[in-house]
Amino acid sequence: MTVPFRLGLLRVLACATVALAPLEGYLLEVHGHLAKVAPALLAVTWAVARVRQRRFVTPHPLHGVLAAFAVVLLASTAVHAGGHYAVDYLQRWLPFLVLTVILVDVAAREVPVRALLGAAVAGAVVAAVGALFSLFARGEARASGPLEDPNDLAYFLVAALPLVVAFRPGRKRHAVAMALVALVLAAGAAATFSRGGALALTAAAVWLVVRRVVPVKLVLGGVVALVVVAGGALVVAGPALDRALQEKTFIAGTNVDTRGLRWQAAARMVSAHPALGVGPGGFRDHYAAFSRNAEVDEQTPVAHNMYLEVAAELGVAGFGLFAGLLAVAAVSSERVLRSGGRGARREMAAVQASLIAVVVASTFLSQQYYLPLWSLVAVVAAADLRVRRADACAARDR
C-alpha cells in the first residue's frame, strides 16, 4: 500500500463514517450490520497506518477525559453486570469513544477538518430529502426518512445546518447552492415537527449572529424562505400537513407529561446511586421501580434527556467527565477561533453553533449514542492540535 493511497483511503473512510451516520436506517434496511462497515474499515485502516508509521496518537486534553470516562464506564458496568442491558450498552458506548480518538487523530493529520464538516452536511442533506419524501410521498404524519424517530432525525439535521456557514461561497452560484442546501436542511427539520429541534436551531442561529458570522438579515431571509416553502407545501399537501399538525398537537401534552415522569425517575436514580449510577442501560432496567410504575404501557423507555440519563446510569463521576468532554470542546474551539485566520474563525464558529444545537437538542433527547456529538468534539480537538502544531513550528523558526 503506497502512502498516497493509504492517506486517500483514510480520508474516504473518515468522511464516509460521518456522512453515513444520519442514513443509518437506510443502511439497516439493506443489512443489519451495513452501518458498521465504514467505521470498522476506518478503525482497521487507521491502526495499520499507525503501526506502519510507528506513530502514536498526539495527546490532547480530550484524550485524558475520554480515558477517565472509559474507566468509570467499565467500573459501572462491572458493578451492574447483572443488569439486562449493561453489557449491550457498554458495547454501544465503547465504539464511540474509540471512534472519537480515531477521528481526532486523522483530522489532526490526514483529513482536512473542512472535509469532515462537508461530509456531515452532505449526509444530512440526503437525510433531509428522505425526510421530505417520507412526509409528502409516503404520507407519514411526521417525517422520519432514514431514522425511525423524527426527533432523532431532527437532531442530525439541526446539527448539520450551522456547518453550512463554514463554507464561505467564492462565487454567486456557490452562494445559491449553499442557500439551497441550508433550505433543504431547514425544511427537512421542520417536517419532523420537533420542538426540541426548533429550539436547538434557534440557539445556533443566535450564536452565529452574536459572533458576527451571519448577519441578522440573512437569518431573517432564511426564515422568510422557509415560510414561503411551507406555504407552498400547504397548497400542495394541505390536508396531510393539517393532519400531521393535529396529531403533533394531540401528543405534545402527553410528551411533556411523560418526559417529566422520566426526568424525575432519573433524578431519583442519581440520588440513590450517586457513585456509579445504575449501570449502562440501567435507566431502562430500573425505570418501572424508580417511577413507581408511572407508565403502565412503557416499562423500559429512555430518559429523553441525555444529561440526566448519563448521570443516572454512570453516576456523578460519569456525568462530570461526560460534561468535561463538552467543556474541553468549548475551550479548545474558542482557542482555535481566536488564533486562526478569518476562514478558520468562520469555520470554528460554525462548529460552535453546531455544538450548541447538539447541547440544546439533547436536553429533550437521549443522543449520546449518535455520532454528531462525538464527531464535533473530535473535530474541535483536531483543529486545536493543528493550531498547536503550527504555533510550535513558528516558535522553532523564530
Protein backbone atom coordinates (compact mmCIF):
# COMPACT_ATOMS: atom_id res chain seq x y z
CA MET A 1 0.00 0.00 0.00
CA THR A 2 1.55 3.28 -1.09
CA VAL A 3 1.45 6.32 1.14
CA PRO A 4 -0.86 8.40 -1.13
CA PHE A 5 -3.34 5.51 -1.38
CA ARG A 6 -3.31 4.94 2.37
CA LEU A 7 -3.90 8.61 3.08
CA GLY A 8 -6.64 8.76 0.48
CA LEU A 9 -8.32 5.70 1.98
CA LEU A 10 -8.25 7.24 5.45
CA ARG A 11 -9.87 10.39 4.10
CA VAL A 12 -12.57 8.47 2.24
CA LEU A 13 -13.40 6.24 5.21
CA ALA A 14 -13.42 9.08 7.73
CA CYS A 15 -15.74 11.15 5.56
CA ALA A 16 -17.93 8.12 4.80
CA THR A 17 -18.26 7.37 8.52
CA VAL A 18 -19.51 10.89 9.21
CA ALA A 19 -21.68 11.19 6.09
CA LEU A 20 -23.45 7.84 6.54
CA ALA A 21 -24.32 8.38 10.22
CA PRO A 22 -27.70 10.08 9.58
CA LEU A 23 -28.55 7.41 6.98
CA GLU A 24 -28.30 4.52 9.41
CA GLY A 25 -31.90 3.46 8.91
CA TYR A 26 -31.48 3.09 5.15
CA LEU A 27 -28.33 1.04 5.66
CA LEU A 28 -30.01 -1.23 8.19
CA GLU A 29 -32.79 -1.94 5.72
CA VAL A 30 -30.18 -3.36 3.34
CA HIS A 31 -28.29 -5.34 6.02
CA GLY A 32 -28.28 -5.36 9.78
CA HIS A 33 -24.54 -4.63 10.02
CA LEU A 34 -24.03 -2.38 6.99
CA ALA A 35 -23.95 0.78 9.14
CA LYS A 36 -20.89 -0.60 10.94
CA VAL A 37 -18.81 -1.22 7.82
CA ALA A 38 -17.37 2.28 7.29
CA PRO A 39 -16.38 2.81 10.97
CA ALA A 40 -14.87 -0.68 11.15
CA LEU A 41 -12.84 -0.20 7.97
CA LEU A 42 -11.71 3.21 9.23
CA ALA A 43 -10.52 1.69 12.51
CA VAL A 44 -8.60 -1.12 10.77
CA THR A 45 -7.03 1.20 8.18
CA TRP A 46 -6.06 3.71 10.86
CA ALA A 47 -4.48 1.04 13.07
CA VAL A 48 -2.49 -0.42 10.15
CA ALA A 49 -1.34 3.05 9.09
CA ARG A 50 -0.15 3.99 12.56
CA VAL A 51 1.68 0.69 13.04
CA ARG A 52 3.45 1.12 9.71
CA GLN A 53 4.34 4.70 10.51
CA ARG A 54 5.30 3.78 14.10
CA ARG A 55 3.46 6.89 15.14
CA PHE A 56 1.42 7.35 18.31
CA VAL A 57 -1.65 9.47 18.85
CA THR A 58 -0.74 13.10 19.57
CA PRO A 59 -2.03 13.79 23.09
CA HIS A 60 -4.78 16.32 23.72
CA PRO A 61 -6.68 17.09 26.95
CA LEU A 62 -9.70 15.41 25.38
CA HIS A 63 -7.86 12.07 25.48
CA GLY A 64 -7.45 12.30 29.24
CA VAL A 65 -11.15 12.96 29.75
CA LEU A 66 -12.07 10.10 27.38
CA ALA A 67 -9.76 7.70 29.22
CA ALA A 68 -11.15 8.65 32.64
CA PHE A 69 -14.71 8.36 31.31
CA ALA A 70 -13.91 4.89 29.96
CA VAL A 71 -12.65 3.84 33.40
CA VAL A 72 -15.88 4.98 35.07
CA LEU A 73 -17.92 3.32 32.32
CA LEU A 74 -16.14 -0.01 32.81
CA ALA A 75 -16.41 0.24 36.59
CA SER A 76 -20.13 0.95 36.43
CA THR A 77 -20.60 -1.99 34.05
CA ALA A 78 -18.65 -4.30 36.34
CA VAL A 79 -20.74 -3.32 39.36
CA HIS A 80 -24.01 -3.73 37.46
CA ALA A 81 -23.00 -6.58 35.15
CA GLY A 82 -26.13 -8.48 36.11
CA GLY A 83 -28.39 -5.85 34.55
CA HIS A 84 -30.38 -6.75 31.46
CA TYR A 85 -28.82 -4.02 29.33
CA ALA A 86 -25.40 -3.38 30.93
CA VAL A 87 -23.19 -5.28 28.51
CA ASP A 88 -25.22 -4.30 25.46
CA TYR A 89 -24.99 -0.62 26.34
CA LEU A 90 -21.29 -0.89 27.12
CA GLN A 91 -20.91 -2.15 23.57
CA ARG A 92 -22.75 0.95 22.37
CA TRP A 93 -20.55 3.32 24.38
CA LEU A 94 -17.09 1.95 23.61
CA PRO A 95 -17.19 2.29 19.78
CA PHE A 96 -17.99 5.99 20.13
CA LEU A 97 -15.05 6.52 22.48
CA VAL A 98 -12.67 4.69 20.14
CA LEU A 99 -14.07 6.40 17.05
CA THR A 100 -13.61 9.81 18.68
CA VAL A 101 -9.93 9.07 19.29
CA ILE A 102 -9.53 7.95 15.68
CA LEU A 103 -11.31 10.99 14.24
CA VAL A 104 -9.20 13.34 16.37
CA ASP A 105 -6.04 11.69 15.09
CA VAL A 106 -6.89 11.54 11.39
CA ALA A 107 -8.41 15.04 11.35
CA ALA A 108 -5.27 16.41 13.01
CA ARG A 109 -3.07 14.82 10.33
CA GLU A 110 -4.51 13.38 7.11
CA VAL A 111 -8.11 14.56 6.81
CA PRO A 112 -8.89 18.27 6.48
CA VAL A 113 -11.36 19.43 9.10
CA ARG A 114 -13.45 21.06 6.38
CA ALA A 115 -13.76 17.70 4.60
CA LEU A 116 -15.39 16.16 7.67
CA LEU A 117 -17.73 19.12 8.04
CA GLY A 118 -18.67 18.81 4.38
CA ALA A 119 -19.33 15.10 4.84
CA ALA A 120 -21.64 15.83 7.77
CA VAL A 121 -23.58 18.33 5.68
CA ALA A 122 -23.76 16.02 2.64
CA GLY A 123 -25.11 13.10 4.65
CA ALA A 124 -27.65 15.33 6.38
CA VAL A 125 -28.88 16.72 3.05
CA VAL A 126 -29.63 13.20 1.82
CA ALA A 127 -31.41 12.51 5.11
CA ALA A 128 -33.42 15.74 4.74
CA VAL A 129 -34.51 14.76 1.24
CA GLY A 130 -35.57 11.41 2.66
CA ALA A 131 -37.49 13.22 5.38
CA LEU A 132 -39.42 15.33 2.89
CA PHE A 133 -40.10 12.28 0.74
CA SER A 134 -41.48 10.36 3.72
CA LEU A 135 -43.82 13.22 4.60
CA PHE A 136 -45.15 14.16 1.18
CA ALA A 137 -44.78 10.99 -0.89
CA ARG A 138 -45.30 8.27 1.70
CA GLY A 139 -47.87 10.19 3.74
CA GLU A 140 -46.21 9.83 7.13
CA ALA A 141 -47.63 12.05 9.87
CA ARG A 142 -44.13 13.26 10.76
CA ALA A 143 -41.05 12.98 8.58
CA SER A 144 -38.72 10.21 9.63
CA GLY A 145 -36.91 9.26 6.43
CA PRO A 146 -33.77 7.28 7.31
CA LEU A 147 -34.42 7.19 11.06
CA GLU A 148 -37.33 5.67 12.93
CA ASP A 149 -37.81 8.58 15.35
CA PRO A 150 -38.50 12.01 13.79
CA ASN A 151 -36.85 13.70 16.78
CA ASP A 152 -33.61 11.81 16.16
CA LEU A 153 -33.71 12.87 12.52
CA ALA A 154 -34.26 16.49 13.54
CA TYR A 155 -31.19 16.20 15.79
CA PHE A 156 -28.97 15.25 12.85
CA LEU A 157 -30.37 17.97 10.60
CA VAL A 158 -30.13 20.86 13.07
CA ALA A 159 -26.61 19.75 14.00
CA ALA A 160 -25.57 19.87 10.33
CA LEU A 161 -27.31 23.11 9.33
CA PRO A 162 -24.92 25.54 11.12
CA LEU A 163 -21.97 23.81 9.46
CA VAL A 164 -23.08 25.18 6.09
CA VAL A 165 -21.78 28.54 7.33
CA ALA A 166 -18.25 27.11 7.46
CA PHE A 167 -18.13 27.13 3.65
CA ARG A 168 -17.79 30.73 2.54
CA PRO A 169 -19.07 30.99 -1.05
CA GLY A 170 -16.49 32.17 -3.57
CA ARG A 171 -18.92 32.84 -6.40
CA LYS A 172 -22.57 33.69 -6.77
CA ARG A 173 -23.55 30.22 -7.93
CA HIS A 174 -21.80 28.77 -4.89
CA ALA A 175 -23.83 31.06 -2.65
CA VAL A 176 -27.03 29.92 -4.33
CA ALA A 177 -26.06 26.26 -3.89
CA MET A 178 -25.28 26.79 -0.21
CA ALA A 179 -28.57 28.60 0.30
CA LEU A 180 -30.43 25.67 -1.27
CA VAL A 181 -28.57 23.21 0.94
CA ALA A 182 -29.48 25.22 4.03
CA LEU A 183 -33.10 25.46 2.91
CA VAL A 184 -33.36 21.70 2.34
CA LEU A 185 -31.91 21.00 5.79
CA ALA A 186 -34.24 23.51 7.44
CA ALA A 187 -37.26 22.17 5.56
CA GLY A 188 -36.36 18.59 6.48
CA ALA A 189 -36.01 19.57 10.14
CA ALA A 190 -39.33 21.44 10.04
CA ALA A 191 -41.01 18.38 8.52
CA THR A 192 -40.23 16.40 11.68
CA PHE A 193 -42.31 18.85 13.76
CA SER A 194 -39.69 18.55 16.51
CA ARG A 195 -39.96 21.34 19.06
CA GLY A 196 -36.58 20.47 20.53
CA GLY A 197 -35.06 20.70 17.07
CA ALA A 198 -36.60 24.13 16.56
CA LEU A 199 -35.20 25.38 19.86
CA ALA A 200 -31.77 23.95 19.04
CA LEU A 201 -31.72 25.60 15.63
CA THR A 202 -32.81 28.93 17.12
CA ALA A 203 -29.98 28.77 19.67
CA ALA A 204 -27.45 28.00 16.93
CA ALA A 205 -28.70 30.89 14.78
CA VAL A 206 -28.49 33.31 17.71
CA TRP A 207 -24.91 32.21 18.36
CA LEU A 208 -23.89 32.81 14.74
CA VAL A 209 -25.43 36.26 14.84
CA VAL A 210 -23.79 37.12 18.17
CA ARG A 211 -20.40 36.00 16.87
CA ARG A 212 -20.98 38.15 13.76
CA VAL A 213 -20.55 35.25 11.42
CA VAL A 214 -24.02 35.55 9.94
CA PRO A 215 -25.86 38.87 9.63
CA VAL A 216 -29.35 39.17 11.07
CA LYS A 217 -30.81 39.96 7.66
CA LEU A 218 -29.52 36.63 6.32
CA VAL A 219 -31.20 34.73 9.16
CA LEU A 220 -34.43 36.63 8.57
CA GLY A 221 -34.14 35.91 4.86
CA GLY A 222 -33.80 32.21 5.64
CA VAL A 223 -36.90 32.33 7.83
CA VAL A 224 -38.85 34.05 5.06
CA ALA A 225 -37.69 31.47 2.53
CA LEU A 226 -38.74 28.65 4.85
CA VAL A 227 -42.15 30.27 5.35
CA VAL A 228 -42.58 30.53 1.58
CA VAL A 229 -41.68 26.87 1.17
CA ALA A 230 -44.09 25.95 3.96
CA GLY A 231 -46.82 27.96 2.25
CA GLY A 232 -46.20 26.11 -0.98
CA ALA A 233 -46.32 22.81 0.87
CA LEU A 234 -49.67 23.76 2.38
CA VAL A 235 -51.04 24.45 -1.09
CA VAL A 236 -49.75 21.16 -2.48
CA ALA A 237 -50.37 18.91 0.53
CA GLY A 238 -52.58 20.88 2.86
CA PRO A 239 -54.72 18.00 4.21
CA ALA A 240 -51.70 15.84 5.02
CA LEU A 241 -49.93 18.67 6.83
CA ASP A 242 -53.09 19.60 8.71
CA ARG A 243 -53.43 16.01 9.89
CA ALA A 244 -49.76 15.96 10.94
CA LEU A 245 -50.17 19.16 12.93
CA GLN A 246 -53.28 17.84 14.65
CA GLU A 247 -51.51 14.62 15.62
CA LYS A 248 -48.47 16.52 16.87
CA THR A 249 -50.68 18.83 18.95
CA PHE A 250 -52.51 15.85 20.38
CA ILE A 251 -49.37 14.07 21.56
CA ALA A 252 -47.48 17.22 22.62
CA GLY A 253 -49.08 17.42 26.04
CA THR A 254 -48.54 13.71 26.64
CA ASN A 255 -44.87 14.04 25.70
CA VAL A 256 -44.39 16.81 28.25
CA ASP A 257 -46.01 14.74 30.98
CA THR A 258 -44.08 11.54 30.23
CA ARG A 259 -40.75 13.33 29.98
CA GLY A 260 -41.41 14.93 33.34
CA LEU A 261 -42.00 11.48 34.84
CA ARG A 262 -38.81 10.12 33.30
CA TRP A 263 -36.71 13.06 34.43
CA GLN A 264 -37.98 12.62 37.98
CA ALA A 265 -37.14 8.91 37.86
CA ALA A 266 -33.63 9.70 36.57
CA ALA A 267 -33.11 12.20 39.40
CA ARG A 268 -34.15 9.52 41.93
CA MET A 269 -31.62 7.11 40.42
CA VAL A 270 -28.85 9.69 40.78
CA SER A 271 -29.84 10.29 44.40
CA ALA A 272 -29.94 6.57 45.19
CA HIS A 273 -26.75 5.63 43.29
CA PRO A 274 -24.53 8.73 43.10
CA ALA A 275 -21.19 6.92 42.80
CA LEU A 276 -21.50 4.73 39.69
CA GLY A 277 -25.17 5.08 38.82
CA VAL A 278 -27.40 2.15 37.93
CA GLY A 279 -25.10 0.96 35.13
CA PRO A 280 -25.15 1.38 31.33
CA GLY A 281 -28.69 0.90 30.11
CA GLY A 282 -29.80 0.82 33.74
CA PHE A 283 -32.33 3.60 33.28
CA ARG A 284 -34.43 1.27 31.15
CA ASP A 285 -33.87 -1.59 33.57
CA HIS A 286 -34.89 0.33 36.69
CA TYR A 287 -37.41 2.82 35.29
CA ALA A 288 -40.51 0.96 36.43
CA ALA A 289 -39.26 0.79 40.01
CA PHE A 290 -37.99 4.35 40.28
CA SER A 291 -41.01 5.84 38.50
CA ARG A 292 -43.31 3.73 40.70
CA ASN A 293 -44.93 2.29 37.58
CA ALA A 294 -45.90 5.76 36.37
CA GLU A 295 -46.22 4.49 32.79
CA VAL A 296 -48.03 1.18 32.67
CA ASP A 297 -47.68 0.85 28.90
CA GLU A 298 -43.98 1.80 28.84
CA GLN A 299 -41.71 -0.05 31.25
CA THR A 300 -38.29 0.34 29.59
CA PRO A 301 -38.07 3.79 27.99
CA VAL A 302 -35.15 6.18 27.57
CA ALA A 303 -34.95 9.33 29.68
CA HIS A 304 -35.34 11.79 26.79
CA ASN A 305 -32.60 13.88 28.39
CA MET A 306 -29.01 12.96 27.62
CA TYR A 307 -27.58 14.56 30.75
CA LEU A 308 -29.98 13.01 33.23
CA GLU A 309 -29.67 9.63 31.57
CA VAL A 310 -25.87 9.68 31.72
CA ALA A 311 -25.96 10.82 35.35
CA ALA A 312 -28.48 8.14 36.29
CA GLU A 313 -26.55 5.35 34.59
CA LEU A 314 -22.93 6.35 35.30
CA GLY A 315 -23.26 8.40 38.46
CA VAL A 316 -21.96 11.83 39.33
CA ALA A 317 -18.39 11.00 38.28
CA GLY A 318 -19.51 9.71 34.90
CA PHE A 319 -21.69 12.75 34.32
CA GLY A 320 -18.88 15.09 35.37
CA LEU A 321 -16.49 13.52 32.87
CA PHE A 322 -19.13 13.49 30.15
CA ALA A 323 -19.73 17.19 30.75
CA GLY A 324 -15.95 17.57 30.73
CA LEU A 325 -15.91 16.44 27.09
CA LEU A 326 -18.17 19.36 26.21
CA ALA A 327 -16.11 21.74 28.37
CA VAL A 328 -12.87 20.72 26.66
CA ALA A 329 -14.54 21.19 23.27
CA ALA A 330 -15.79 24.65 24.25
CA VAL A 331 -12.39 25.83 25.49
CA SER A 332 -10.50 24.31 22.56
CA SER A 333 -12.88 25.72 19.97
CA GLU A 334 -12.52 29.21 21.39
CA ARG A 335 -8.73 28.89 21.33
CA VAL A 336 -8.83 27.84 17.68
CA LEU A 337 -11.29 30.58 16.80
CA ARG A 338 -9.12 33.30 18.33
CA SER A 339 -5.84 32.05 16.90
CA GLY A 340 -6.90 31.30 13.33
CA GLY A 341 -7.38 33.46 10.26
CA ARG A 342 -10.70 34.74 9.02
CA GLY A 343 -11.61 31.45 7.35
CA ALA A 344 -10.65 29.42 10.40
CA ARG A 345 -12.69 31.69 12.67
CA ARG A 346 -15.75 31.27 10.47
CA GLU A 347 -15.26 27.52 10.37
CA MET A 348 -14.89 27.16 14.13
CA ALA A 349 -17.79 29.49 14.89
CA ALA A 350 -19.95 27.22 12.73
CA VAL A 351 -18.75 24.19 14.71
CA GLN A 352 -19.53 26.01 17.96
CA ALA A 353 -23.05 26.75 16.73
CA SER A 354 -23.48 23.10 15.78
CA LEU A 355 -22.32 22.01 19.24
CA ILE A 356 -24.80 24.42 20.80
CA ALA A 357 -27.56 22.86 18.70
CA VAL A 358 -26.48 19.42 19.92
CA VAL A 359 -26.38 20.54 23.56
CA VAL A 360 -29.84 22.13 23.39
CA ALA A 361 -31.48 19.28 21.46
CA SER A 362 -30.04 16.73 23.88
CA THR A 363 -31.96 18.37 26.72
CA PHE A 364 -35.05 16.71 25.27
CA LEU A 365 -33.47 13.61 23.70
CA SER A 366 -31.07 10.81 24.66
CA GLN A 367 -28.48 11.44 21.95
CA GLN A 368 -25.28 10.08 23.47
CA TYR A 369 -25.43 7.14 21.07
CA TYR A 370 -25.42 9.22 17.89
CA LEU A 371 -22.35 10.48 16.07
CA PRO A 372 -22.79 14.30 15.80
CA LEU A 373 -21.78 14.92 19.42
CA TRP A 374 -18.66 12.78 19.14
CA SER A 375 -17.59 13.90 15.66
CA LEU A 376 -17.93 17.58 16.57
CA VAL A 377 -15.88 17.14 19.73
CA ALA A 378 -13.27 15.26 17.69
CA VAL A 379 -13.15 17.97 15.01
CA VAL A 380 -12.56 20.66 17.64
CA ALA A 381 -9.73 18.70 19.29
CA ALA A 382 -8.14 18.01 15.89
CA ALA A 383 -8.31 21.68 14.91
CA ASP A 384 -6.74 22.58 18.25
CA LEU A 385 -3.89 20.13 17.65
CA ARG A 386 -3.30 21.66 14.22
CA VAL A 387 -3.07 25.13 15.78
CA ARG A 388 -0.71 23.91 18.48
CA ARG A 389 1.50 22.25 15.88
CA ALA A 390 1.59 25.42 13.79
CA ASP A 391 2.45 27.51 16.85
CA ALA A 392 5.25 25.10 17.78
CA CYS A 393 6.70 25.28 14.26
CA ALA A 394 6.52 29.08 14.31
CA ALA A 395 8.29 29.16 17.66
CA ARG A 396 11.08 26.92 16.34
CA ASP A 397 11.51 29.10 13.25
CA ARG A 398 11.99 32.14 15.44
